Amino acid sequence: MAPLKMKKKKKKKAAAERAKSFATMLVKRMKICIELVKFAIKFVIAQVEEVINENLRHRRPPPPVAMRMRSLSPPLPIVGPF
């Protein structure tokens, strides 16, 4: 009977080792996935910033302040001598 108990213990130990090994590999894979997602997010952010900066560079500059003020207020009609 003693050898049978030893075999069961060995099987349990081997199963525990396999489970531990599987968990370790799973954690490693999850870490790799997280790093890949971080890399992808940084890449997308850099691309979006580049597009925004490129669009801002090619935009026409705003008109001078004096022209903006004239365009906002309509001209006043001249009514009689002052």
PDB file of N, CA and C in Angstrom:
ATOM      1  N   MET A   1       0.811  -1.202   0.000  1.00  0.00           N
ATOM      2  CA  MET A   1       0.000   0.000   0.000  1.00  0.00           C
ATOM      3  C   MET A   1       0.853   1.264   0.000  1.00  0.00           C
ATOM      4  N   ALA A   2       1.992   1.196   0.559  1.00  0.00           N
ATOM      5  CA  ALA A   2       2.845   2.375   0.642  1.00  0.00           C
ATOM      6  C   ALA A   2       3.251   2.885  -0.734  1.00  0.00           C
ATOM      7  N   PRO A   3       3.620   2.001  -1.702  1.00  0.00           N
ATOM      8  CA  PRO A   3       3.993   2.512  -3.016  1.00  0.00           C
ATOM      9  C   PRO A   3       2.835   3.221  -3.720  1.00  0.00           C
ATOM     10  N   LEU A   4       1.596   2.799  -3.481  1.00  0.00           N
ATOM     11  CA  LEU A   4       0.441   3.431  -4.107  1.00  0.00           C
ATOM     12  C   LEU A   4       0.269   4.871  -3.618  1.00  0.00           C
ATOM     13  N   LYS A   5       0.471   5.057  -2.317  1.00  0.00           N
ATOM     14  CA  LYS A   5       0.375   6.407  -1.757  1.00  0.00           C
ATOM     15  C   LYS A   5       1.475   7.297  -2.318  1.00  0.00           C
ATOM     16  N   MET A   6       2.649   6.739  -2.499  1.00  0.00           N
ATOM     17  CA  MET A   6       3.765   7.514  -3.039  1.00  0.00           C
ATOM     18  C   MET A   6       3.459   7.949  -4.469  1.00  0.00           C
ATOM     19  N   LYS A   7       2.836   7.069  -5.263  1.00  0.00           N
ATOM     20  CA  LYS A   7       2.496   7.406  -6.647  1.00  0.00           C
ATOM     21  C   LYS A   7       1.472   8.535  -6.691  1.00  0.00           C
ATOM     22  N   LYS A   8       0.475   8.458  -5.781  1.00  0.00           N
ATOM     23  CA  LYS A   8      -0.534   9.513  -5.736  1.00  0.00           C
ATOM     24  C   LYS A   8       0.090  10.856  -5.366  1.00  0.00           C
ATOM     25  N   LYS A   9       1.014  10.820  -4.408  1.00  0.00           N
ATOM     26  CA  LYS A   9       1.685  12.062  -4.002  1.00  0.00           C
ATOM     27  C   LYS A   9       2.498  12.637  -5.155  1.00  0.00           C
ATOM     28  N   LYS A  10       3.180  11.745  -5.872  1.00  0.00           N
ATOM     29  CA  LYS A  10       3.980  12.205  -7.006  1.00  0.00           C
ATOM     30  C   LYS A  10       3.093  12.794  -8.098  1.00  0.00           C
ATOM     31  N   LYS A  11       1.940  12.153  -8.331  1.00  0.00           N
ATOM     32  CA  LYS A  11       1.019  12.657  -9.346  1.00  0.00           C
ATOM     33  C   LYS A  11       0.482  14.034  -8.942  1.00  0.00           C
ATOM     34  N   LYS A  12       0.127  14.170  -7.662  1.00  0.00           N
ATOM     35  CA  LYS A  12      -0.374  15.453  -7.180  1.00  0.00           C
ATOM     36  C   LYS A  12       0.699  16.532  -7.304  1.00  0.00           C
ATOM     37  N   LYS A  13       1.932  16.158  -6.971  1.00  0.00           N
ATOM     38  CA  LYS A  13       3.024  17.115  -7.047  1.00  0.00           C
ATOM     39  C   LYS A  13       3.284  17.521  -8.498  1.00  0.00           C
ATOM     40  N   ALA A  14       3.241  16.538  -9.389  1.00  0.00           N
ATOM     41  CA  ALA A  14       3.456  16.827 -10.809  1.00  0.00           C
ATOM     42  C   ALA A  14       2.339  17.719 -11.342  1.00  0.00           C
ATOM     43  N   ALA A  15       1.107  17.444 -10.935  1.00  0.00           N
ATOM     44  CA  ALA A  15      -0.024  18.268 -11.375  1.00  0.00           C
ATOM     45  C   ALA A  15       0.126  19.698 -10.851  1.00  0.00           C
ATOM     46  N   ALA A  16       0.553  19.818  -9.613  1.00  0.00           N
ATOM     47  CA  ALA A  16       0.747  21.151  -9.033  1.00  0.00           C
ATOM     48  C   ALA A  16       1.844  21.904  -9.787  1.00  0.00           C
ATOM     49  N   GLU A  17       2.911  21.210 -10.135  1.00  0.00           N
ATOM     50  CA  GLU A  17       4.001  21.843 -10.889  1.00  0.00           C
ATOM     51  C   GLU A  17       3.514  22.297 -12.270  1.00  0.00           C
ATOM     52  N   ARG A  18       2.713  21.463 -12.931  1.00  0.00           N
ATOM     53  CA  ARG A  18       2.178  21.843 -14.243  1.00  0.00           C
ATOM     54  C   ARG A  18       1.271  23.062 -14.133  1.00  0.00           C
ATOM     55  N   ALA A  19       0.443  23.074 -13.094  1.00  0.00           N
ATOM     56  CA  ALA A  19      -0.454  24.216 -12.887  1.00  0.00           C
ATOM     57  C   ALA A  19       0.352  25.479 -12.620  1.00  0.00           C
ATOM     58  N   LYS A  20       1.405  25.356 -11.830  1.00  0.00           N
ATOM     59  CA  LYS A  20       2.253  26.501 -11.528  1.00  0.00           C
ATOM     60  C   LYS A  20       2.948  26.984 -12.798  1.00  0.00           C
ATOM     61  N   SER A  21       3.429  26.050 -13.589  1.00  0.00           N
ATOM     62  CA  SER A  21       4.096  26.394 -14.837  1.00  0.00           C
ATOM     63  C   SER A  21       3.120  27.078 -15.792  1.00  0.00           C
ATOM     64  N   PHE A  22       1.893  26.559 -15.866  1.00  0.00           N
ATOM     65  CA  PHE A  22       0.873  27.158 -16.729  1.00  0.00           C
ATOM     66  C   PHE A  22       0.552  28.578 -16.274  1.00  0.00           C
ATOM     67  N   ALA A  23       0.412  28.769 -14.966  1.00  0.00           N
ATOM     68  CA  ALA A  23       0.100  30.091 -14.425  1.00  0.00           C
ATOM     69  C   ALA A  23       1.237  31.064 -14.714  1.00  0.00           C
ATOM     70  N   THR A  24       2.467  30.591 -14.588  1.00  0.00           N
ATOM     71  CA  THR A  24       3.622  31.446 -14.863  1.00  0.00           C
ATOM     72  C   THR A  24       3.626  31.868 -16.327  1.00  0.00           C
ATOM     73  N   MET A  25       3.379  30.927 -17.224  1.00  0.00           N
ATOM     74  CA  MET A  25       3.346  31.250 -18.648  1.00  0.00           C
ATOM     75  C   MET A  25       2.194  32.206 -18.955  1.00  0.00           C
ATOM     76  N   LEU A  26       1.050  31.999 -18.302  1.00  0.00           N
ATOM     77  CA  LEU A  26      -0.097  32.869 -18.515  1.00  0.00           C
ATOM     78  C   LEU A  26       0.223  34.297 -18.090  1.00  0.00           C
ATOM     79  N   VAL A  27       0.875  34.440 -16.943  1.00  0.00           N
ATOM     80  CA  VAL A  27       1.250  35.767 -16.459  1.00  0.00           C
ATOM     81  C   VAL A  27       2.229  36.418 -17.435  1.00  0.00           C
ATOM     82  N   LYS A  28       3.196  35.665 -17.919  1.00  0.00           N
ATOM     83  CA  LYS A  28       4.161  36.214 -18.876  1.00  0.00           C
ATOM     84  C   LYS A  28       3.463  36.678 -20.149  1.00  0.00           C
ATOM     85  N   ARG A  29       2.525  35.879 -20.639  1.00  0.00           N
ATOM     86  CA  ARG A  29       1.792  36.257 -21.857  1.00  0.00           C
ATOM     87  C   ARG A  29       0.961  37.508 -21.626  1.00  0.00           C
ATOM     88  N   MET A  30       0.339  37.601 -20.468  1.00  0.00           N
ATOM     89  CA  MET A  30      -0.455  38.790 -20.156  1.00  0.00           C
ATOM     90  C   MET A  30       0.437  40.033 -20.106  1.00  0.00           C
ATOM     91  N   LYS A  31       1.625  39.900 -19.533  1.00  0.00           N
ATOM     92  CA  LYS A  31       2.550  41.033 -19.483  1.00  0.00           C
ATOM     93  C   LYS A  31       2.959  41.464 -20.892  1.00  0.00           C
ATOM     94  N   ILE A  32       3.220  40.487 -21.749  1.00  0.00           N
ATOM     95  CA  ILE A  32       3.590  40.805 -23.129  1.00  0.00           C
ATOM     96  C   ILE A  32       2.434  41.510 -23.830  1.00  0.00           C
ATOM     97  N   CYS A  33       1.209  41.030 -23.631  1.00  0.00           N
ATOM     98  CA  CYS A  33       0.039  41.669 -24.246  1.00  0.00           C
ATOM     99  C   CYS A  33      -0.128  43.103 -23.760  1.00  0.00           C
ATOM    100  N   ILE A  34       0.055  43.310 -22.471  1.00  0.00           N
ATOM    101  CA  ILE A  34      -0.066  44.664 -21.913  1.00  0.00           C
ATOM    102  C   ILE A  34       0.986  45.583 -22.521  1.00  0.00           C
ATOM    103  N   GLU A  35       2.213  45.096 -22.644  1.00  0.00           N
ATOM    104  CA  GLU A  35       3.271  45.913 -23.242  1.00  0.00           C
ATOM    105  C   GLU A  35       2.966  46.231 -24.699  1.00  0.00           C
ATOM    106  N   LEU A  36       2.424  45.267 -25.440  1.00  0.00           N
ATOM    107  CA  LEU A  36       2.062  45.518 -26.840  1.00  0.00           C
ATOM    108  C   LEU A  36       0.948  46.554 -26.944  1.00  0.00           C
ATOM    109  N   VAL A  37      -0.024  46.486 -26.050  1.00  0.00           N
ATOM    110  CA  VAL A  37      -1.108  47.475 -26.064  1.00  0.00           C
ATOM    111  C   VAL A  37      -0.560  48.861 -25.736  1.00  0.00           C
ATOM    112  N   LYS A  38       0.337  48.942 -24.762  1.00  0.00           N
ATOM    113  CA  LYS A  38       0.954  50.239 -24.433  1.00  0.00           C
ATOM    114  C   LYS A  38       1.694  50.799 -25.642  1.00  0.00           C
ATOM    115  N   PHE A  39       2.442  49.930 -26.315  1.00  0.00           N
ATOM    116  CA  PHE A  39       3.193  50.363 -27.495  1.00  0.00           C
ATOM    117  C   PHE A  39       2.239  50.856 -28.575  1.00  0.00           C
ATOM    118  N   ALA A  40       1.144  50.131 -28.796  1.00  0.00           N
ATOM    119  CA  ALA A  40       0.174  50.526 -29.821  1.00  0.00           C
ATOM    120  C   ALA A  40      -0.470  51.864 -29.482  1.00  0.00           C
ATOM    121  N   ILE A  41      -0.801  52.073 -28.217  1.00  0.00           N
ATOM    122  CA  ILE A  41      -1.411  53.340 -27.803  1.00  0.00           C
ATOM    123  C   ILE A  41      -0.434  54.490 -28.014  1.00  0.00           C
ATOM    124  N   LYS A  42       0.832  54.303 -27.632  1.00  0.00           N
ATOM    125  CA  LYS A  42       1.826  55.356 -27.838  1.00  0.00           C
ATOM    126  C   LYS A  42       1.995  55.659 -29.322  1.00  0.00           C
ATOM    127  N   PHE A  43       1.966  54.627 -30.159  1.00  0.00           N
ATOM    128  CA  PHE A  43       2.100  54.816 -31.600  1.00  0.00           C
ATOM    129  C   PHE A  43       0.931  55.618 -32.153  1.00  0.00           C
ATOM    130  N   VAL A  44      -0.279  55.266 -31.737  1.00  0.00           N
ATOM    131  CA  VAL A  44      -1.466  55.988 -32.218  1.00  0.00           C
ATOM    132  C   VAL A  44      -1.440  57.435 -31.753  1.00  0.00           C
ATOM    133  N   ILE A  45      -1.061  57.673 -30.519  1.00  0.00           N
ATOM    134  CA  ILE A  45      -0.981  59.040 -30.001  1.00  0.00           C
ATOM    135  C   ILE A  45       0.028  59.852 -30.802  1.00  0.00           C
ATOM    136  N   ALA A  46       1.171  59.268 -31.094  1.00  0.00           N
ATOM    137  CA  ALA A  46       2.190  59.979 -31.875  1.00  0.00           C
ATOM    138  C   ALA A  46       1.674  60.308 -33.272  1.00  0.00           C
ATOM    139  N   GLN A  47       0.947  59.379 -33.894  1.00  0.00           N
ATOM    140  CA  GLN A  47       0.407  59.627 -35.231  1.00  0.00           C
ATOM    141  C   GLN A  47      -0.642  60.733 -35.203  1.00  0.00           C
ATOM    142  N   VAL A  48      -1.511  60.721 -34.215  1.00  0.00           N
ATOM    143  CA  VAL A  48      -2.545  61.751 -34.104  1.00  0.00           C
ATOM    144  C   VAL A  48      -1.912  63.117 -33.864  1.00  0.00           C
ATOM    145  N   GLU A  49      -0.906  63.172 -32.992  1.00  0.00           N
ATOM    146  CA  GLU A  49      -0.220  64.448 -32.750  1.00  0.00           C
ATOM    147  C   GLU A  49       0.431  64.961 -34.024  1.00  0.00           C
ATOM    148  N   GLU A  50       1.001  64.076 -34.804  1.00  0.00           N
ATOM    149  CA  GLU A  50       1.641  64.481 -36.058  1.00  0.00           C
ATOM    150  C   GLU A  50       0.620  65.053 -37.030  1.00  0.00           C
ATOM    151  N   VAL A  51      -0.537  64.403 -37.136  1.00  0.00           N
ATOM    152  CA  VAL A  51      -1.580  64.900 -38.033  1.00  0.00           C
ATOM    153  C   VAL A  51      -2.077  66.262 -37.566  1.00  0.00           C
ATOM    154  N   ILE A  52      -2.288  66.413 -36.274  1.00  0.00           N
ATOM    155  CA  ILE A  52      -2.763  67.692 -35.741  1.00  0.00           C
ATOM    156  C   ILE A  52      -1.728  68.782 -36.004  1.00  0.00           C
ATOM    157  N   ASN A  53      -0.462  68.494 -35.721  1.00  0.00           N
ATOM    158  CA  ASN A  53       0.578  69.499 -35.948  1.00  0.00           C
ATOM    159  C   ASN A  53       0.696  69.850 -37.430  1.00  0.00           C
ATOM    160  N   GLU A  54       0.561  68.862 -38.290  1.00  0.00           N
ATOM    161  CA  GLU A  54       0.640  69.108 -39.739  1.00  0.00           C
ATOM    162  C   GLU A  54      -0.515  70.003 -40.184  1.00  0.00           C
ATOM    163  N   ASN A  55      -1.707  69.752 -39.667  1.00  0.00           N
ATOM    164  CA  ASN A  55      -2.857  70.583 -40.024  1.00  0.00           C
ATOM    165  C   ASN A  55      -2.701  72.000 -39.503  1.00  0.00           C
ATOM    166  N   LEU A  56      -2.136  72.150 -38.327  1.00  0.00           N
ATOM    167  CA  LEU A  56      -1.946  73.495 -37.777  1.00  0.00           C
ATOM    168  C   LEU A  56      -0.900  74.266 -38.572  1.00  0.00           C
ATOM    169  N   ARG A  57       0.108  73.587 -39.096  1.00  0.00           N
ATOM    170  CA  ARG A  57       1.146  74.261 -39.877  1.00  0.00           C
ATOM    171  C   ARG A  57       0.604  74.790 -41.196  1.00  0.00           C
ATOM    172  N   HIS A  58      -0.342  74.084 -41.798  1.00  0.00           N
ATOM    173  CA  HIS A  58      -0.850  74.470 -43.107  1.00  0.00           C
ATOM    174  C   HIS A  58      -2.076  75.375 -43.035  1.00  0.00           C
ATOM    175  N   ARG A  59      -2.500  75.723 -41.862  1.00  0.00           N
ATOM    176  CA  ARG A  59      -3.657  76.590 -41.707  1.00  0.00           C
ATOM    177  C   ARG A  59      -3.272  78.028 -42.015  1.00  0.00           C
ATOM    178  N   ARG A  60      -4.187  78.764 -42.618  1.00  0.00           N
ATOM    179  CA  ARG A  60      -3.913  80.181 -42.894  1.00  0.00           C
ATOM    180  C   ARG A  60      -3.872  80.948 -41.590  1.00  0.00           C
ATOM    181  N   PRO A  61      -2.998  81.920 -41.483  1.00  0.00           N
ATOM    182  CA  PRO A  61      -2.962  82.705 -40.247  1.00  0.00           C
ATOM    183  C   PRO A  61      -4.222  83.573 -40.151  1.00  0.00           C
ATOM    184  N   PRO A  62      -4.662  83.887 -38.951  1.00  0.00           N
ATOM    185  CA  PRO A  62      -5.854  84.725 -38.808  1.00  0.00           C
ATOM    186  C   PRO A  62      -5.557  86.145 -39.285  1.00  0.00           C
ATOM    187  N   PRO A  63      -6.581  86.874 -39.725  1.00  0.00           N
ATOM    188  CA  PRO A  63      -6.348  88.248 -40.172  1.00  0.00           C
ATOM    189  C   PRO A  63      -5.950  89.126 -38.994  1.00  0.00           C
ATOM    190  N   PRO A  64      -5.337  90.262 -39.274  1.00  0.00           N
ATOM    191  CA  PRO A  64      -4.948  91.168 -38.176  1.00  0.00           C
ATOM    192  C   PRO A  64      -6.169  91.597 -37.366  1.00  0.00           C
ATOM    193  N   VAL A  65      -5.914  92.033 -36.164  1.00  0.00           N
ATOM    194  CA  VAL A  65      -7.000  92.399 -35.243  1.00  0.00           C
ATOM    195  C   VAL A  65      -7.854  93.513 -35.835  1.00  0.00           C
ATOM    196  N   ALA A  66      -7.238  94.519 -36.462  1.00  0.00           N
ATOM    197  CA  ALA A  66      -8.002  95.640 -37.013  1.00  0.00           C
ATOM    198  C   ALA A  66      -8.998  95.163 -38.064  1.00  0.00           C
ATOM    199  N   MET A  67      -8.605  94.237 -38.910  1.00  0.00           N
ATOM    200  CA  MET A  67      -9.512  93.727 -39.930  1.00  0.00           C
ATOM    201  C   MET A  67     -10.630  92.898 -39.305  1.00  0.00           C
ATOM    202  N   ARG A  68     -10.325  92.190 -38.255  1.00  0.00           N
ATOM    203  CA  ARG A  68     -11.350  91.395 -37.602  1.00  0.00           C
ATOM    204  C   ARG A  68     -12.402  92.282 -36.959  1.00  0.00           C
ATOM    205  N   MET A  69     -11.980  93.383 -36.372  1.00  0.00           N
ATOM    206  CA  MET A  69     -12.928  94.273 -35.711  1.00  0.00           C
ATOM    207  C   MET A  69     -13.821  94.953 -36.739  1.00  0.00           C
ATOM    208  N   ARG A  70     -13.265  95.329 -37.878  1.00  0.00           N
ATOM    209  CA  ARG A  70     -14.068  95.977 -38.918  1.00  0.00           C
ATOM    210  C   ARG A  70     -15.102  95.006 -39.466  1.00  0.00           C
ATOM    211  N   SER A  71     -14.717  93.765 -39.613  1.00  0.00           N
ATOM    212  CA  SER A  71     -15.655  92.813 -40.206  1.00  0.00           C
ATOM    213  C   SER A  71     -16.776  92.458 -39.234  1.00  0.00           C
ATOM    214  N   LEU A  72     -16.556  92.626 -37.953  1.00  0.00           N
ATOM    215  CA  LEU A  72     -17.594  92.293 -36.985  1.00  0.00           C
ATOM    216  C   LEU A  72     -18.651  93.387 -36.876  1.00  0.00           C
ATOM    217  N   SER A  73     -18.249  94.676 -36.993  1.00  0.00           N
ATOM    218  CA  SER A  73     -19.220  95.756 -36.848  1.00  0.00           C
ATOM    219  C   SER A  73     -19.514  96.357 -38.222  1.00  0.00           C
ATOM    220  N   PRO A  74     -20.790  96.484 -38.564  1.00  0.00           N
ATOM    221  CA  PRO A  74     -21.108  97.073 -39.868  1.00  0.00           C
ATOM    222  C   PRO A  74     -20.805  98.569 -39.868  1.00  0.00           C
ATOM    223  N   PRO A  75     -20.538  99.129 -41.015  1.00  0.00           N
ATOM    224  CA  PRO A  75     -20.233 100.575 -41.065  1.00  0.00           C
ATOM    225  C   PRO A  75     -21.467 101.393 -40.680  1.00  0.00           C
ATOM    226  N   LEU A  76     -21.223 102.507 -40.008  1.00  0.00           N
ATOM    227  CA  LEU A  76     -22.310 103.383 -39.578  1.00  0.00           C
ATOM    228  C   LEU A  76     -22.655 104.363 -40.704  1.00  0.00           C
ATOM    229  N   PRO A  77     -23.910 104.546 -40.965  1.00  0.00           N
ATOM    230  CA  PRO A  77     -24.276 105.509 -42.011  1.00  0.00           C
ATOM    231  C   PRO A  77     -24.064 106.944 -41.502  1.00  0.00           C
ATOM    232  N   ILE A  78     -23.677 107.833 -42.393  1.00  0.00           N
ATOM    233  CA  ILE A  78     -23.478 109.242 -42.026  1.00  0.00           C
ATOM    234  C   ILE A  78     -24.814 109.941 -42.196  1.00  0.00           C
ATOM    235  N   VAL A  79     -25.303 110.523 -41.114  1.00  0.00           N
ATOM    236  CA  VAL A  79     -26.595 111.201 -41.153  1.00  0.00           C
ATOM    237  C   VAL A  79     -26.354 112.675 -40.797  1.00  0.00           C
ATOM    238  N   GLY A  80     -26.306 113.500 -41.792  1.00  0.00           N
ATOM    239  CA  GLY A  80     -26.181 114.939 -41.568  1.00  0.00           C
ATOM    240  C   GLY A  80     -24.820 115.352 -41.041  1.00  0.00           C
ATOM    241  N   PRO A  81     -24.610 116.681 -40.997  1.00  0.00           N
ATOM    242  CA  PRO A  81     -23.323 117.200 -40.504  1.00  0.00           C
ATOM    243  C   PRO A  81     -23.254 117.103 -38.985  1.00  0.00           C
ATOM    244  N   PHE A  82     -22.060 116.960 -38.514  1.00  0.00           N
ATOM    245  CA  PHE A  82     -21.872 116.891 -37.045  1.00  0.00           C
ATOM    246  C   PHE A  82     -21.332 118.172 -36.518  1.00  0.00           C
TER     247      PHE A  82
END
